[in-house]
Every structure is written in C-alpha cells, then in structure tokens.
Protein backbone atom coordinates (compact mmCIF):
# COMPACT_ATOMS: atom_id res chain seq x y z
CA MET A 1 133.41 87.22 90.61
CA LEU A 2 131.56 88.82 93.13
CA ILE A 3 131.27 88.16 97.45
CA GLY A 4 127.81 87.19 96.61
CA ASP A 5 128.57 84.76 93.95
CA VAL A 6 131.50 83.16 95.81
CA ALA A 7 129.98 82.51 98.71
CA ARG A 8 126.88 80.66 96.95
CA ARG A 9 129.68 78.81 94.90
CA SER A 10 131.99 78.03 97.29
CA GLY A 11 129.15 77.46 100.85
CA VAL A 12 131.61 79.74 102.33
CA SER A 13 129.39 82.92 103.87
CA ALA A 14 130.39 86.26 103.03
CA ARG A 15 131.20 87.39 106.88
CA MET A 16 133.70 84.42 106.61
CA LEU A 17 135.02 85.68 103.09
CA ARG A 18 135.79 88.69 104.74
CA HIS A 19 137.07 87.83 107.69
CA TYR A 20 139.58 85.79 105.94
CA GLU A 21 140.25 88.92 104.11
CA SER A 22 141.21 91.05 107.24
CA LEU A 23 143.62 88.31 108.50
CA GLY A 24 145.55 88.54 104.56
CA LEU A 25 144.41 84.74 104.19
CA VAL A 26 142.92 85.43 100.73
CA ARG A 27 142.35 89.10 99.29
CA PRO A 28 140.20 90.12 96.26
CA THR A 29 142.39 90.58 93.59
CA GLY A 30 140.60 93.53 92.02
CA ARG A 31 137.35 95.82 92.47
CA THR A 32 134.68 96.75 90.28
CA VAL A 33 133.98 100.49 88.97
CA ALA A 34 131.22 100.95 92.10
CA GLY A 35 134.01 99.20 94.75
CA TYR A 36 132.39 95.77 95.35
CA ARG A 37 135.32 93.14 95.60
CA GLU A 38 135.97 90.92 92.69
CA TYR A 39 137.26 87.33 93.11
CA SER A 40 139.71 86.08 90.32
CA GLY A 41 139.86 82.07 89.84
CA GLU A 42 143.08 82.32 91.50
CA ASP A 43 141.61 83.82 94.87
CA ILE A 44 138.42 80.82 94.56
CA ARG A 45 141.06 78.39 94.12
CA ARG A 46 142.77 79.95 97.48
CA ILE A 47 139.21 79.85 99.33
CA PHE A 48 139.25 76.05 98.99
CA HIS A 49 142.44 75.60 99.85
CA ILE A 50 141.83 77.46 102.71
CA GLU A 51 138.53 75.23 103.66
CA SER A 52 140.25 72.14 102.34
CA LEU A 53 143.43 72.63 105.23
CA ARG A 54 140.43 73.60 107.71
CA SER A 55 139.01 70.58 107.62
CA LEU A 56 141.91 68.61 108.54
CA GLY A 57 142.04 70.90 111.41
CA LEU A 58 145.02 73.34 110.91
CA SER A 59 144.19 77.00 112.34
CA LEU A 60 144.24 80.13 110.44
CA ARG A 61 147.28 81.18 110.92
CA ASP A 62 148.98 77.51 110.42
CA ILE A 63 146.83 77.86 107.18
CA GLY A 64 148.63 81.30 106.48
CA ARG A 65 151.90 79.78 107.08
CA ALA A 66 151.28 76.64 105.11
CA LEU A 67 150.11 79.01 101.64
CA ASP A 68 152.65 81.67 101.68
CA ASP A 69 156.00 79.99 103.52
CA PRO A 70 157.35 78.43 100.54
CA ASP A 71 159.95 76.66 102.65
CA PHE A 72 157.04 75.62 104.97
CA ALA A 73 157.50 71.44 105.86
CA PRO A 74 153.75 69.94 106.62
CA GLY A 75 155.35 67.20 108.66
CA GLN A 76 155.47 68.04 112.08
CA LEU A 77 152.39 70.21 111.31
CA VAL A 78 150.94 67.20 110.84
CA ASP A 79 152.02 64.80 113.38
CA ASP A 80 150.86 67.28 116.05
CA LEU A 81 147.41 66.98 114.27
CA ILE A 82 147.31 63.74 114.67
CA ARG A 83 148.46 63.68 118.27
CA ARG A 84 145.78 66.12 118.70
CA THR A 85 143.14 63.94 117.10
CA ARG A 86 143.76 61.10 119.13
CA ASP A 87 143.84 62.83 121.91
CA ARG A 88 140.71 64.33 121.50
CA ILE A 89 139.28 60.95 120.30
CA ALA A 90 140.23 59.33 123.92
CA THR A 91 138.70 62.08 125.70
CA GLU A 92 135.56 61.95 123.58
CA THR A 93 135.79 57.87 123.70
CA GLU A 94 136.08 57.83 127.46
CA LEU A 95 133.03 60.33 127.98
CA LEU A 96 131.09 58.03 125.31
CA THR A 97 132.16 54.99 127.61
CA ARG A 98 130.98 57.21 131.01
CA LEU A 99 127.53 58.27 129.46
CA ASP A 100 126.73 54.49 128.07
CA ARG A 101 127.54 53.21 131.38
CA ILE A 102 125.34 56.07 133.25
CA GLY A 103 122.35 54.84 130.82
CA ALA A 104 122.98 51.26 131.82
CA ALA A 105 122.72 52.03 135.28
CA GLU A 106 119.03 53.11 134.73
CA PRO A 107 118.90 56.28 137.21
CA ALA A 108 115.75 57.43 137.69
CA ASP A 109 116.71 60.98 138.64
CA TRP A 110 119.13 63.50 138.32
CA GLU A 111 120.18 62.34 141.74
CA GLU A 112 121.22 58.77 140.93
CA VAL A 113 122.53 60.29 137.94
CA LEU A 114 125.34 62.28 140.11
CA GLN A 115 126.09 59.11 142.77
CA THR A 116 126.56 57.35 139.44
CA VAL A 117 129.29 60.03 138.59
CA ALA A 118 130.64 60.05 141.67
CA LEU A 119 131.11 55.79 141.81
CA LEU A 120 132.68 55.74 138.67
CA HIS A 121 135.22 58.42 139.54
CA ALA A 122 135.76 56.45 142.97
CA LEU A 123 136.30 52.71 140.80
CA GLY A 124 139.12 54.90 139.11
CA SER A 125 140.67 56.64 142.32
CA GLU A 126 144.54 56.61 142.90
CA SER A 127 143.46 55.58 146.37
CA ALA A 128 142.84 51.29 146.89
CA GLY A 129 140.71 52.36 150.12
CA ARG A 130 138.63 54.76 148.17
CA ARG A 131 138.30 51.88 145.32
CA GLN A 132 137.38 49.53 147.95
CA ARG A 133 134.57 51.49 149.30
CA ALA A 134 132.94 52.50 145.86
CA ALA A 135 132.99 48.21 145.68
CA LEU A 136 130.94 47.98 148.56
CA ALA A 137 128.98 50.74 147.96
CA SER A 138 127.97 49.32 144.31
CA ALA A 139 126.74 46.39 146.50
CA GLU A 140 124.29 48.12 148.41
CA GLY A 141 122.24 49.40 146.39
CA THR A 142 124.00 52.68 144.31
CA PRO A 143 123.02 52.76 140.76
CA THR A 144 126.16 50.73 139.16
CA PRO A 145 126.71 50.01 135.53
CA VAL A 146 127.89 46.36 135.51
CA ALA A 147 130.46 46.97 132.77
CA ALA A 148 132.24 49.51 135.37
CA LEU A 149 132.64 47.11 138.33
CA VAL A 150 133.92 44.33 135.73
CA GLU A 151 136.23 46.65 134.11
CA ALA A 152 137.63 47.64 137.58
CA ALA A 153 137.66 43.89 138.64
CA LEU A 154 139.28 42.78 135.39
CA ASN A 155 142.05 45.90 136.18
CA GLU A 156 142.41 45.75 139.81
CA ALA A 157 145.56 44.80 141.55
CA ASP A 158 145.25 45.26 145.14
CA PRO A 159 144.06 42.09 146.67
CA ASN A 160 141.70 43.20 148.81
CA VAL A 161 140.03 46.03 146.44
CA ALA A 162 139.77 42.89 143.95
CA GLY A 163 137.73 40.66 146.56
CA ALA A 164 135.36 43.22 147.16
CA LEU A 165 135.16 44.26 143.52
CA ARG A 166 134.26 40.65 143.20
CA TRP A 167 131.69 40.45 145.92
CA ALA A 168 129.97 43.86 144.46
CA LEU A 169 129.28 41.35 140.58
CA VAL A 170 128.15 38.52 142.29
CA GLN A 171 125.90 40.70 143.83
CA SER A 172 124.73 42.71 140.73
CA GLY A 173 122.91 39.83 139.46
CA ASP A 174 122.52 39.02 135.34
CA GLY A 175 125.40 40.73 132.93
CA ALA A 176 128.59 40.34 134.52
CA LEU A 177 129.32 36.90 133.11
CA ALA A 178 128.92 38.07 129.20
CA LEU A 179 131.48 40.38 130.36
CA LEU A 180 133.63 38.14 132.23
CA ALA A 181 133.74 35.44 129.44
CA GLU A 182 135.27 38.16 126.94
CA GLY A 183 137.89 38.91 129.73
CA LEU A 184 138.80 34.93 129.96
CA GLY A 185 140.10 35.52 126.43
CA ALA A 186 141.97 38.71 126.70
CA ALA A 187 145.59 39.50 125.46
CA ALA A 188 146.92 40.44 129.13
CA PRO A 189 147.70 37.25 131.12
CA ASP A 190 146.54 39.27 134.34
CA VAL A 191 143.43 40.31 132.75
CA ARG A 192 142.74 36.70 131.90
CA ARG A 193 143.50 35.13 135.98
CA ARG A 194 140.76 38.35 137.48
CA ALA A 195 138.35 37.47 134.99
CA VAL A 196 138.68 33.83 135.86
CA GLU A 197 139.03 34.28 139.53
CA ALA A 198 135.87 36.46 139.13
CA VAL A 199 134.00 33.98 136.92
CA ALA A 200 134.74 31.20 140.15
CA GLU A 201 133.11 33.61 142.53
CA VAL A 202 129.62 33.34 140.54
CA PRO A 203 127.87 30.21 142.04
CA ASP A 204 125.36 29.30 139.33
CA GLU A 205 125.21 27.01 135.81
CA ARG A 206 125.83 29.39 133.54
CA ALA A 207 129.40 30.18 135.47
CA THR A 208 130.04 26.46 135.85
CA ALA A 209 129.67 26.44 131.86
CA LEU A 210 132.32 29.14 131.57
CA LEU A 211 134.55 27.57 133.59
CA LYS A 212 134.62 24.23 132.28
CA ASP A 213 135.05 26.10 128.94
CA ALA A 214 138.02 27.75 130.54
CA LEU A 215 139.76 23.94 130.67
CA ALA A 216 140.42 24.63 127.30
CA SER A 217 142.19 27.57 127.29
CA PRO A 218 146.07 27.93 126.39
CA ASP A 219 146.57 29.75 129.44
CA PRO A 220 147.84 27.37 131.89
CA ALA A 221 146.80 29.62 134.74
CA VAL A 222 143.53 30.28 133.85
CA ARG A 223 143.29 26.15 133.36
CA ARG A 224 144.24 25.51 136.58
CA TYR A 225 142.28 28.06 138.45
CA ALA A 226 139.50 26.94 136.76
CA ALA A 227 140.07 23.15 137.74
CA LEU A 228 140.48 24.38 141.53
CA ALA A 229 136.82 25.95 141.36
CA LEU A 230 135.11 22.72 139.64
CA GLY A 231 136.49 20.28 142.06
CA PRO A 232 133.61 21.78 144.94
CA ARG A 233 131.59 22.16 142.01
CA GLY A 234 131.57 18.27 141.11
CA VAL A 235 132.67 18.61 137.78
CA ALA A 236 134.67 15.64 136.85
CA ASP A 237 136.37 16.83 133.90
CA ALA A 238 138.68 19.30 136.32
CA ILE A 239 140.49 15.61 136.79
CA PRO A 240 142.88 16.25 134.56
CA THR A 241 144.09 19.21 135.20
CA LEU A 242 144.29 18.69 138.73
CA VAL A 243 146.19 15.89 138.53
CA GLU A 244 149.06 17.40 136.26
CA MET A 245 148.88 20.15 139.00
CA VAL A 246 149.77 17.75 141.59
CA VAL A 247 152.48 16.26 139.07
CA ASP A 248 153.69 19.90 138.40
CA ALA A 249 153.78 20.95 142.30
CA VAL A 250 151.24 24.04 141.17
CA SER A 251 149.04 24.39 144.34
CA ASP A 252 149.64 20.80 144.35
CA VAL A 253 147.43 20.79 147.74
CA ASP A 254 144.41 22.51 146.95
CA ALA A 255 144.14 20.27 144.00
CA ALA A 256 144.51 17.27 146.03
CA ASP A 257 142.01 18.55 148.06
CA ALA A 258 139.89 19.66 145.14
CA LEU A 259 140.30 16.03 143.45
CA GLY A 260 138.92 14.65 146.84
CA ALA A 261 136.41 17.38 146.94
CA LEU A 262 135.16 15.06 143.38
CA ALA A 263 135.90 11.88 144.96
CA GLY A 264 132.14 11.78 147.08
CA ASP A 265 131.01 10.48 143.84
CA PRO A 266 132.68 6.36 143.80
CA VAL A 267 132.79 6.18 139.92
CA VAL A 268 134.69 9.59 139.85
CA ALA A 269 136.77 8.41 142.65
CA ASP A 270 137.93 5.22 140.70
CA GLU A 271 138.96 7.64 137.75
CA ILE A 272 141.00 9.68 139.83
CA VAL A 273 142.53 6.92 141.48
CA ALA A 274 143.51 5.34 137.98
CA ARG A 275 144.87 8.70 136.93
CA LEU A 276 147.29 9.15 140.01
CA VAL A 277 148.28 5.23 139.88
CA ASP A 278 149.33 5.63 136.08
CA ARG A 279 151.09 8.57 137.14
CA LEU A 280 152.69 6.77 139.92
CA ALA A 281 153.88 4.06 137.79
CA ASP A 282 155.21 6.29 134.91
CA ASP A 283 159.39 5.44 135.10
CA THR A 284 160.09 9.15 134.09
CA ALA A 285 158.03 10.26 137.60
CA ASP A 286 160.86 11.46 140.22
CA PRO A 287 160.88 10.65 143.75
CA ALA A 288 159.29 14.36 144.51
CA VAL A 289 156.21 13.61 141.98
CA ARG A 290 155.33 10.07 143.11
CA GLY A 291 155.30 11.41 146.99
CA ARG A 292 152.95 14.09 145.92
CA LEU A 293 150.76 11.94 144.26
CA THR A 294 150.62 9.49 147.08
CA GLN A 295 149.76 12.31 149.09
CA ALA A 296 147.02 13.31 146.70
CA LEU A 297 145.62 9.48 146.83
CA ALA A 298 145.40 9.41 150.36
CA GLU A 299 142.72 11.73 149.95
CA ILE A 300 140.73 9.92 148.36
CA PRO A 301 137.79 7.58 149.99
CA GLY A 302 136.80 4.18 148.80
CA PRO A 303 138.23 0.44 148.12
CA ALA A 304 140.26 1.49 144.72
CA ALA A 305 142.43 3.88 146.51
CA SER A 306 142.71 1.96 149.82
CA ALA A 307 144.07 -1.13 147.35
CA ALA A 308 146.56 1.41 145.24
CA LEU A 309 147.85 2.28 148.93
CA THR A 310 147.87 -1.32 149.92
CA GLU A 311 150.77 -2.17 147.10
CA LEU A 312 152.18 1.62 147.42
CA SER A 313 153.08 0.53 151.13
CA SER A 314 155.82 -1.96 149.57
CA ASP A 315 157.20 0.55 147.40
CA ALA A 316 160.86 0.62 146.83
CA ASP A 317 160.78 4.24 147.43
CA ARG A 318 160.89 4.85 151.24
CA VAL A 319 158.98 8.05 151.08
CA VAL A 320 155.99 6.20 149.00
CA ALA A 321 156.02 3.61 150.71
CA SER A 322 155.60 5.37 154.44
CA THR A 323 153.24 7.44 153.86
CA ALA A 324 151.00 4.74 152.23
CA THR A 325 151.96 2.98 155.23
CA TYR A 326 150.55 5.85 157.66
CA VAL A 327 147.73 6.99 155.70
CA LEU A 328 146.14 3.21 155.57
CA THR A 329 146.85 3.13 159.74
CA LEU A 330 144.51 6.17 159.73
CA ARG A 331 141.95 3.94 157.51
CA THR A 332 142.04 1.01 159.37
CA GLY A 333 142.43 2.87 163.23
CA ARG A 334 145.63 0.17 163.16
C-alpha cells in the first residue's frame, strides 16, 4: 500500500509517516518499481500501535522503546504517565477555577481582571499580612469572587486574617451563605468550625435559619457555636445545647450569657429555669456541675428563677447554697 493510501486509511498524514520513518519508528517494507514507499499489513499494524500509544501520552522515543525492546516493562512508564496526567489535570483544574472566579467577579475591563488576579494571588499568599490586606481590600470595592473569599475563610488558620475574611464576606452581599452552608457539612472539622463562625457573622434571617439547622449537626463544636450565636438572636431552639454546654463546662460562661439573653422573653425564661432545675435535681450531677448550673440560673431574670434560687439557698451543697443566697441578696438589694 502506498503512503497516500496509508495516510487516508489510517488518518496519519503523509508528513507524519515520513517523520516516523526518519525516527526509525516504522519503515516501509518495500519499494515499488518506481521507488515509492510500499507499506505491508504488518507496517500498517505498527502505525496503529504507534497511534494508540501516542493517545496515552507516550513520547515517540518511549513508543520506540515499547515496540522494539522485548524486555521493556511498561509498569513504571505507565505509573509515570499517571502521575504526569494527574499533575496536568490539577494544574488545569486550578486554572479553570481561577477563570471561573474571575468571570464571577464580572470585571468591566482588563484593569479589573488584573486587579482580581492580583487579589486571588494575595489571598493565597504565604504571608498572613498580605492575606489580611487582600481580605480588607476585597471589602473596599475591588472586584472579588465570593467563592474565593469563602474558600479562603474556610481554610484560614490565622485568627486575624480569618476575622478580616469573615468581615469581607458580610460586606460581599448575597452568594456567600450558600457556599458556607456546604462548609457546614465538610469532612474536615476545622472547615466546619470556620463555616459556622462565618455564618454567625451574617446578621440576617437566612443566616439564622442556617444556624438553627446547625443545631442538629453531628459535630458538637458546630452545634455549640451555633447555639452561642442564636442566643442573642432570640432563638429558643438553642436552649438545650446551651444548657448542655453549662453542664459539660464548655464555654459555660458564654453559654450562661446566651441563656440570659434569651430570658428576656418571660415564657422562654420559664423554660430555661425548668431545664436548669431539672439538671440540678439530677442525682448523678457532681458538685462542680451543680455549681455551674446555679451560676447560670443567676443570669435568668423573673419570679421562676428567684423561686428556684430561694429553694437552692437551703441546698445541702454549701457552694450551691451560698451562690443562691448571694444572688438573691443582689436581686432584693438586701
């Protein structure tokens, strides 16, 4: 078969076939009387083998070794191809993500494109100071993809930078909460914690709804942070978690303050008192737990709390009794 026929049937150009021949990859078996290259069936099979290996990303040199060396072991070469392909995919994915973010910022001109690129680089800087400046700049009008801010906030370990990023997210408007909601269910505990902290900074009803959902999280850290944020928002659903925080001595002072914030509603105050009294009556509660519960009860206004404290002033536990007595003295002014 002549080179033109081979090119038409194989899809490999005549020029490439001549290149293969110059490299010694495939040599036509014969020549016609007129001196034209003539390829045999075996030559054509080798051409298809070359093309198959090229489709895997092998270099022409490696293809020659693979086809001509009977001792050639493909395992290491295939492993190397896998590694290089993964690296290339990671690079291309990073580029695609960056382009998506630039597009999401809706730049008006190339100057804004360059500003956005510079900001993205700064958010990924190894310098905490540079990351913090980038976060603050993003809240001052520099076109910033919200997804980039959320990703930075969910992965930021430096507390100062994290605070700046959360503030920038609040200024960014719509879009951040949906991405932060995904962070609440992330596999990494640190990401979940940062997500709930960021949601807690957003002062609107959608954020409150997310925090209420977070009370059912299997992650206790997420539940607790959500409860602390919901107390000042007047969400009574946080009461059970806040009481458990007092019992477990986990941010118990903050939890008591949150319960006090909720107790502005008399009905809610009575519910809080009932839960605290129930835990105080638990025979298994150790003295330290009962002391914290009494201190939490002191934060609750109203007659129900005063009645409970009056009873506790005669408690067999001297610490509980003295705490209740002292609080009652403050309340009555005597």
